[in-house]
N, C-alpha and C. Protein backbone atom coordinates (compact mmCIF):
# COMPACT_ATOMS: atom_id res chain seq x y z
N MET A 1 101.37 111.12 -13.29
CA MET A 1 102.75 110.85 -12.97
C MET A 1 103.15 111.69 -11.77
N GLY A 2 103.70 111.06 -10.77
CA GLY A 2 104.10 111.82 -9.60
C GLY A 2 104.86 110.97 -8.61
N TRP A 3 104.91 111.46 -7.38
CA TRP A 3 105.70 110.85 -6.32
C TRP A 3 104.85 110.69 -5.07
N ILE A 4 105.03 109.57 -4.38
CA ILE A 4 104.47 109.41 -3.04
C ILE A 4 105.58 109.74 -2.06
N LEU A 5 105.28 110.63 -1.13
CA LEU A 5 106.21 110.92 -0.04
C LEU A 5 105.68 110.21 1.20
N VAL A 6 106.55 109.51 1.90
CA VAL A 6 106.22 108.87 3.15
C VAL A 6 107.07 109.54 4.22
N MET A 7 106.39 110.20 5.15
CA MET A 7 107.07 110.91 6.24
C MET A 7 106.61 110.27 7.55
N PHE A 8 107.54 109.99 8.45
CA PHE A 8 107.13 109.24 9.62
C PHE A 8 107.97 109.55 10.86
N ASP A 9 107.33 109.31 12.00
CA ASP A 9 107.98 109.28 13.30
C ASP A 9 107.69 107.90 13.87
N LEU A 10 108.73 107.20 14.23
CA LEU A 10 108.58 105.86 14.80
C LEU A 10 109.33 105.81 16.13
N PRO A 11 108.72 105.19 17.14
CA PRO A 11 109.43 105.08 18.42
C PRO A 11 110.61 104.13 18.28
N VAL A 12 111.70 104.46 18.95
CA VAL A 12 112.92 103.63 18.90
C VAL A 12 113.57 103.53 20.28
N LEU A 13 112.78 103.52 21.34
CA LEU A 13 113.32 103.50 22.69
C LEU A 13 113.69 102.10 23.16
N THR A 14 113.00 101.08 22.66
CA THR A 14 113.30 99.70 23.07
C THR A 14 113.89 98.93 21.90
N ASP A 15 114.48 97.78 22.20
CA ASP A 15 115.02 96.93 21.13
C ASP A 15 113.92 96.54 20.15
N ARG A 16 112.75 96.19 20.66
CA ARG A 16 111.63 95.80 19.79
C ARG A 16 111.21 96.94 18.87
N GLU A 17 111.12 98.16 19.42
CA GLU A 17 110.74 99.32 18.61
C GLU A 17 111.79 99.60 17.53
N ARG A 18 113.06 99.49 17.88
CA ARG A 18 114.12 99.71 16.89
C ARG A 18 114.05 98.67 15.77
N LYS A 19 113.79 97.43 16.12
CA LYS A 19 113.66 96.38 15.11
C LYS A 19 112.47 96.64 14.19
N MET A 20 111.36 97.09 14.77
CA MET A 20 110.17 97.39 13.96
C MET A 20 110.43 98.59 13.05
N ALA A 21 111.12 99.59 13.55
CA ALA A 21 111.44 100.77 12.73
C ALA A 21 112.37 100.39 11.59
N THR A 22 113.35 99.56 11.88
CA THR A 22 114.28 99.10 10.84
C THR A 22 113.54 98.28 9.79
N ALA A 23 112.65 97.41 10.23
CA ALA A 23 111.86 96.60 9.29
C ALA A 23 110.98 97.49 8.41
N PHE A 24 110.40 98.54 8.99
CA PHE A 24 109.56 99.47 8.22
C PHE A 24 110.39 100.16 7.14
N ARG A 25 111.56 100.66 7.50
CA ARG A 25 112.43 101.33 6.51
C ARG A 25 112.86 100.35 5.42
N LYS A 26 113.19 99.12 5.81
CA LYS A 26 113.60 98.10 4.84
C LYS A 26 112.45 97.78 3.89
N ASP A 27 111.24 97.69 4.42
CA ASP A 27 110.06 97.45 3.56
C ASP A 27 109.89 98.57 2.54
N LEU A 28 110.12 99.81 2.97
CA LEU A 28 110.01 100.93 2.04
C LEU A 28 111.05 100.80 0.92
N LEU A 29 112.29 100.52 1.30
CA LEU A 29 113.35 100.37 0.29
C LEU A 29 113.05 99.21 -0.65
N ASP A 30 112.56 98.09 -0.10
CA ASP A 30 112.22 96.93 -0.93
C ASP A 30 111.05 97.22 -1.87
N SER A 31 110.23 98.22 -1.53
CA SER A 31 109.09 98.59 -2.37
C SER A 31 109.42 99.69 -3.37
N GLY A 32 110.70 100.03 -3.49
CA GLY A 32 111.10 101.00 -4.51
C GLY A 32 111.21 102.43 -4.04
N TYR A 33 111.13 102.67 -2.74
CA TYR A 33 111.29 104.03 -2.22
C TYR A 33 112.78 104.34 -2.10
N VAL A 34 113.11 105.63 -2.15
CA VAL A 34 114.46 106.09 -1.89
C VAL A 34 114.41 106.99 -0.66
N MET A 35 115.46 106.92 0.16
CA MET A 35 115.53 107.76 1.35
C MET A 35 115.93 109.17 0.95
N ILE A 36 115.09 110.13 1.27
CA ILE A 36 115.37 111.54 1.00
C ILE A 36 116.02 112.17 2.23
N GLN A 37 115.44 111.92 3.38
CA GLN A 37 115.99 112.30 4.67
C GLN A 37 115.75 111.13 5.61
N PHE A 38 116.22 111.19 6.84
CA PHE A 38 116.13 110.04 7.73
C PHE A 38 114.70 109.49 7.84
N SER A 39 113.70 110.32 7.90
CA SER A 39 112.33 109.85 8.05
C SER A 39 111.43 110.28 6.90
N ILE A 40 112.03 110.51 5.73
CA ILE A 40 111.26 110.87 4.54
C ILE A 40 111.75 110.02 3.37
N TYR A 41 110.83 109.28 2.80
CA TYR A 41 111.13 108.42 1.66
C TYR A 41 110.20 108.80 0.52
N ALA A 42 110.64 108.58 -0.72
CA ALA A 42 109.83 108.94 -1.89
C ALA A 42 109.88 107.80 -2.90
N ARG A 43 108.79 107.69 -3.66
CA ARG A 43 108.69 106.67 -4.70
C ARG A 43 107.88 107.23 -5.86
N PRO A 44 108.36 107.02 -7.09
CA PRO A 44 107.57 107.47 -8.24
C PRO A 44 106.36 106.56 -8.45
N CYS A 45 105.28 107.16 -8.94
CA CYS A 45 104.06 106.42 -9.27
C CYS A 45 103.53 106.93 -10.60
N VAL A 46 103.03 106.01 -11.43
CA VAL A 46 102.53 106.41 -12.75
C VAL A 46 101.03 106.62 -12.77
N SER A 47 100.33 106.24 -11.69
CA SER A 47 98.87 106.40 -11.68
C SER A 47 98.36 106.47 -10.24
N TYR A 48 97.12 106.93 -10.11
CA TYR A 48 96.50 106.95 -8.79
C TYR A 48 96.24 105.53 -8.30
N GLU A 49 95.96 104.61 -9.21
CA GLU A 49 95.75 103.21 -8.82
C GLU A 49 97.03 102.63 -8.21
N GLN A 50 98.16 102.93 -8.82
CA GLN A 50 99.44 102.46 -8.28
C GLN A 50 99.68 103.11 -6.91
N MET A 51 99.32 104.37 -6.78
CA MET A 51 99.47 105.07 -5.51
C MET A 51 98.63 104.37 -4.44
N ASP A 52 97.39 104.02 -4.76
CA ASP A 52 96.53 103.33 -3.79
C ASP A 52 97.14 102.00 -3.35
N THR A 53 97.75 101.29 -4.28
CA THR A 53 98.42 100.02 -3.95
C THR A 53 99.54 100.24 -2.96
N HIS A 54 100.35 101.27 -3.19
CA HIS A 54 101.49 101.53 -2.31
C HIS A 54 101.04 102.08 -0.96
N ILE A 55 99.97 102.83 -0.94
CA ILE A 55 99.43 103.31 0.34
C ILE A 55 99.00 102.11 1.19
N ALA A 56 98.31 101.15 0.57
CA ALA A 56 97.87 99.96 1.29
C ALA A 56 99.07 99.17 1.82
N ARG A 57 100.14 99.09 1.05
CA ARG A 57 101.34 98.37 1.50
C ARG A 57 101.96 99.06 2.71
N VAL A 58 102.03 100.39 2.68
CA VAL A 58 102.60 101.13 3.82
C VAL A 58 101.72 100.95 5.04
N GLN A 59 100.41 101.00 4.86
CA GLN A 59 99.50 100.80 5.99
C GLN A 59 99.70 99.42 6.62
N ALA A 60 99.97 98.43 5.79
CA ALA A 60 100.12 97.06 6.28
C ALA A 60 101.38 96.86 7.11
N VAL A 61 102.42 97.65 6.87
CA VAL A 61 103.69 97.46 7.57
C VAL A 61 104.00 98.54 8.60
N THR A 62 103.08 99.48 8.79
CA THR A 62 103.31 100.55 9.77
C THR A 62 103.29 99.98 11.19
N PRO A 63 104.34 100.26 11.97
CA PRO A 63 104.37 99.78 13.36
C PRO A 63 103.19 100.33 14.16
N GLU A 64 102.79 99.58 15.18
CA GLU A 64 101.62 99.93 15.99
C GLU A 64 101.68 101.35 16.55
N ALA A 65 102.85 101.78 16.99
CA ALA A 65 102.99 103.11 17.60
C ALA A 65 103.55 104.13 16.61
N GLY A 66 103.50 103.82 15.31
CA GLY A 66 104.04 104.72 14.31
C GLY A 66 103.09 105.85 13.94
N ASN A 67 103.66 106.94 13.49
CA ASN A 67 102.91 108.08 12.98
C ASN A 67 103.43 108.30 11.56
N VAL A 68 102.62 107.94 10.56
CA VAL A 68 103.06 107.97 9.17
C VAL A 68 102.12 108.86 8.37
N ARG A 69 102.68 109.75 7.56
CA ARG A 69 101.90 110.61 6.66
C ARG A 69 102.35 110.32 5.24
N LEU A 70 101.38 110.09 4.36
CA LEU A 70 101.68 109.87 2.95
C LEU A 70 101.10 111.04 2.15
N MET A 71 101.87 111.51 1.20
CA MET A 71 101.43 112.63 0.38
C MET A 71 101.82 112.36 -1.07
N PHE A 72 100.94 112.68 -1.98
CA PHE A 72 101.23 112.54 -3.41
C PHE A 72 101.50 113.92 -3.98
N ILE A 73 102.61 114.04 -4.71
CA ILE A 73 102.89 115.29 -5.41
C ILE A 73 103.18 114.97 -6.87
N THR A 74 102.87 115.91 -7.73
CA THR A 74 103.09 115.68 -9.16
C THR A 74 104.58 115.73 -9.48
N ASP A 75 104.93 115.21 -10.63
CA ASP A 75 106.33 115.24 -11.05
C ASP A 75 106.80 116.69 -11.22
N GLN A 76 105.90 117.57 -11.66
CA GLN A 76 106.27 118.98 -11.81
C GLN A 76 106.55 119.61 -10.45
N GLN A 77 105.71 119.32 -9.45
CA GLN A 77 105.95 119.85 -8.11
C GLN A 77 107.28 119.32 -7.56
N TRP A 78 107.55 118.03 -7.81
CA TRP A 78 108.82 117.44 -7.38
C TRP A 78 109.98 118.17 -8.05
N GLY A 79 109.85 118.42 -9.35
CA GLY A 79 110.90 119.10 -10.10
C GLY A 79 111.12 120.53 -9.65
N ASN A 80 110.08 121.16 -9.11
CA ASN A 80 110.20 122.54 -8.64
C ASN A 80 110.76 122.64 -7.22
N SER A 81 110.94 121.50 -6.56
CA SER A 81 111.46 121.54 -5.19
C SER A 81 112.94 121.95 -5.21
N ILE A 82 113.37 122.49 -4.12
CA ILE A 82 114.74 122.97 -4.00
C ILE A 82 115.37 122.26 -2.80
N THR A 83 116.57 121.74 -3.00
CA THR A 83 117.31 121.10 -1.93
C THR A 83 118.50 121.98 -1.56
N VAL A 84 118.60 122.31 -0.29
CA VAL A 84 119.72 123.10 0.20
C VAL A 84 120.48 122.23 1.19
N ILE A 85 121.74 121.99 0.90
CA ILE A 85 122.56 121.13 1.74
C ILE A 85 123.78 121.93 2.21
N GLY A 86 123.97 121.96 3.52
CA GLY A 86 125.12 122.67 4.10
C GLY A 86 126.44 122.02 3.70
N PRO A 87 127.51 122.79 3.70
CA PRO A 87 128.81 122.29 3.23
C PRO A 87 129.38 121.15 4.08
N ASN A 88 128.96 121.01 5.33
CA ASN A 88 129.50 119.97 6.20
C ASN A 88 128.52 118.82 6.43
N TYR A 89 127.43 118.79 5.68
CA TYR A 89 126.41 117.75 5.85
C TYR A 89 126.90 116.44 5.27
N LYS A 90 126.77 115.36 6.02
CA LYS A 90 127.16 114.03 5.57
C LYS A 90 125.95 113.37 4.91
N GLN A 91 125.94 113.30 3.59
CA GLN A 91 124.79 112.82 2.83
C GLN A 91 124.57 111.32 3.01
N GLY A 92 125.62 110.55 3.10
CA GLY A 92 125.46 109.11 3.27
C GLY A 92 124.71 108.49 2.10
N SER A 93 123.75 107.61 2.39
CA SER A 93 123.01 106.90 1.34
C SER A 93 121.72 107.60 0.95
N ARG A 94 121.48 108.79 1.47
CA ARG A 94 120.26 109.52 1.12
C ARG A 94 120.37 110.11 -0.28
N ALA A 95 119.28 110.08 -1.00
CA ALA A 95 119.24 110.61 -2.36
C ALA A 95 119.20 112.13 -2.31
N VAL A 96 120.06 112.78 -3.08
CA VAL A 96 120.07 114.25 -3.14
C VAL A 96 118.92 114.73 -4.01
N ASP A 97 118.82 114.22 -5.20
CA ASP A 97 117.79 114.66 -6.14
C ASP A 97 117.40 113.48 -7.02
N PRO A 98 116.64 112.53 -6.46
CA PRO A 98 116.30 111.35 -7.26
C PRO A 98 115.46 111.72 -8.47
N ALA A 99 115.77 111.11 -9.58
CA ALA A 99 115.04 111.35 -10.82
C ALA A 99 114.05 110.21 -11.03
N MET A 100 113.08 110.48 -11.89
CA MET A 100 112.13 109.44 -12.26
C MET A 100 112.91 108.32 -12.94
N PRO A 101 112.75 107.06 -12.51
CA PRO A 101 113.46 105.96 -13.15
C PRO A 101 113.12 105.86 -14.64
N GLU A 102 114.07 105.38 -15.43
CA GLU A 102 113.89 105.31 -16.88
C GLU A 102 112.66 104.52 -17.27
N GLN A 103 112.38 103.40 -16.62
CA GLN A 103 111.23 102.60 -17.00
C GLN A 103 109.92 103.35 -16.74
N VAL A 104 109.91 104.29 -15.80
CA VAL A 104 108.72 105.09 -15.55
C VAL A 104 108.63 106.23 -16.55
N GLU A 105 109.75 106.81 -16.95
CA GLU A 105 109.77 107.89 -17.93
C GLU A 105 109.14 107.47 -19.25
N PHE A 106 109.21 106.17 -19.54
CA PHE A 106 108.63 105.64 -20.77
C PHE A 106 107.16 105.99 -20.91
N TRP A 107 106.45 106.06 -19.77
CA TRP A 107 105.01 106.29 -19.77
C TRP A 107 104.63 107.75 -19.91
N GLU A 108 105.58 108.65 -19.83
CA GLU A 108 105.26 110.08 -19.92
C GLU A 108 104.84 110.48 -21.30
């Protein structure tokens, strides 16, 4: 049980690059990821097999000029992380401290 972190730098200098970057982020959200920071998304996984499936999906939608790093961390490591947010930070739609979804908790 753990989390896949997707961290990325995508070029956004041209209209085409911006469209590709937006499509990449939308694909992540459609695949069950939550935005942690602007270029960091996370998704819970119940097995290494599920992780491999999601890695392949990210590889398939990564823009040509993208730089994407995927990392798996355990649920305990995720739980031990600390989030520090300044008093004037605009959180917007980013998740502050996403929890394991209930349907995934069933498997613990």
